[in-house]
Protein backbone atom coordinates (compact mmCIF):
# COMPACT_ATOMS: atom_id res chain seq x y z
CA UNK A 1 0.00 0.00 0.00
CA UNK A 2 1.45 3.36 -1.01
CA UNK A 3 1.40 6.30 1.38
CA UNK A 4 0.21 9.74 0.31
CA UNK A 5 2.74 12.47 -0.43
CA UNK A 6 3.68 14.18 2.82
CA UNK A 7 2.99 11.10 4.97
CA UNK A 8 5.36 10.72 7.90
CA UNK A 9 6.49 7.11 8.20
CA UNK A 10 8.68 7.47 11.31
CA UNK A 11 10.01 10.06 13.78
CA UNK A 12 13.21 10.43 15.80
CA UNK A 13 13.91 13.08 18.43
CA UNK A 14 16.25 15.94 17.51
CA UNK A 15 19.21 16.80 19.69
CA UNK A 16 19.04 20.21 21.36
CA UNK A 17 20.32 23.19 19.40
CA UNK A 18 19.23 22.22 15.88
CA UNK A 19 17.21 24.94 14.12
CA UNK A 20 15.90 25.87 10.69
CA UNK A 21 15.82 29.32 9.15
CA UNK A 22 12.80 30.00 6.95
CA UNK A 23 12.98 33.10 4.76
CA UNK A 24 9.89 34.51 3.08
CA UNK A 25 10.52 35.21 -0.62
CA UNK A 26 7.99 38.06 -0.41
CA UNK A 27 9.36 40.03 2.55
CA UNK A 28 12.87 38.57 2.81
CA UNK A 29 12.39 38.29 6.57
CA UNK A 30 14.09 35.23 8.11
CA UNK A 31 12.58 33.31 11.03
CA UNK A 32 14.72 30.85 13.00
CA UNK A 33 12.75 27.93 14.44
CA UNK A 34 13.75 25.07 16.78
CA UNK A 35 13.73 21.52 15.40
CA UNK A 36 11.61 19.19 17.56
CA UNK A 37 12.28 15.93 15.70
CA UNK A 38 13.38 14.35 12.43
CA UNK A 39 10.76 12.73 10.19
CA UNK A 40 11.07 10.15 7.46
CA UNK A 41 8.48 11.43 5.03
CA UNK A 42 7.15 10.45 1.62
CA UNK A 43 8.21 13.06 -0.93
CA UNK A 44 7.79 11.32 -4.30
CA UNK A 45 7.06 8.00 -6.03
CA UNK A 46 9.23 5.90 -8.35
CA UNK A 47 7.96 4.73 -11.74
CA UNK A 48 6.56 1.55 -10.14
CA UNK A 49 4.44 3.58 -7.73
CA UNK A 50 6.59 2.81 -4.67
CA UNK A 51 6.89 5.74 -2.30
CA UNK A 52 10.30 7.29 -1.75
CA UNK A 53 11.11 9.08 1.48
CA UNK A 54 13.63 11.57 2.75
CA UNK A 55 14.47 12.77 6.24
CA UNK A 56 13.18 16.24 7.04
CA UNK A 57 13.18 18.28 10.23
CA UNK A 58 9.93 18.84 12.11
CA UNK A 59 10.12 22.37 13.47
CA UNK A 60 8.02 24.79 15.52
CA UNK A 61 7.02 28.00 13.72
CA UNK A 62 4.40 30.43 15.03
CA UNK A 63 3.15 27.82 17.52
CA UNK A 64 2.60 25.02 14.96
CA UNK A 65 4.64 22.01 13.85
CA UNK A 66 5.84 22.04 10.24
CA UNK A 67 8.02 20.07 7.84
CA UNK A 68 9.64 21.63 4.79
CA UNK A 69 7.20 19.64 2.65
CA UNK A 70 4.22 21.09 4.58
CA UNK A 71 5.54 24.63 4.28
CA UNK A 72 6.11 24.32 0.53
CA UNK A 73 2.43 23.35 0.13
CA UNK A 74 1.47 26.74 1.62
CA UNK A 75 4.16 29.01 0.19
CA UNK A 76 7.55 28.76 -1.44
CA UNK A 77 10.35 29.64 0.95
CA UNK A 78 14.10 29.64 1.30
CA UNK A 79 14.87 26.96 3.86
CA UNK A 80 18.13 26.23 5.70
CA UNK A 81 18.96 23.63 8.37
CA UNK A 82 21.34 24.94 11.06
CA UNK A 83 23.38 22.55 13.25
CA UNK A 84 24.03 23.35 16.91
CA UNK A 85 26.88 25.73 17.61
CA UNK A 86 30.19 24.01 18.24
CA UNK A 87 31.30 24.10 21.87
CA UNK A 88 34.03 26.60 22.63
CA UNK A 89 37.52 25.15 22.99
CA UNK A 90 38.51 24.92 26.65
CA UNK A 91 34.95 25.34 27.90
């Protein structure tokens, strides 16, 4: 049975400090959002109809949970994943 596009097939917690920056193409204003988890999500199908998945962050923006796939369904954005800051040497 094939899953629908955008279906989340599994979740894993995100380590603290991971964020995404979403930039509106209209205003150019960036918003940095914390990543809550990582999702394996269906993003396309192969020529045999089997669903293909990729790992995407699940992040909190304006009080709601989003994936990049979800956000692209609403509006096109510039999207960047930001790793946690490296610890300072000697800290």
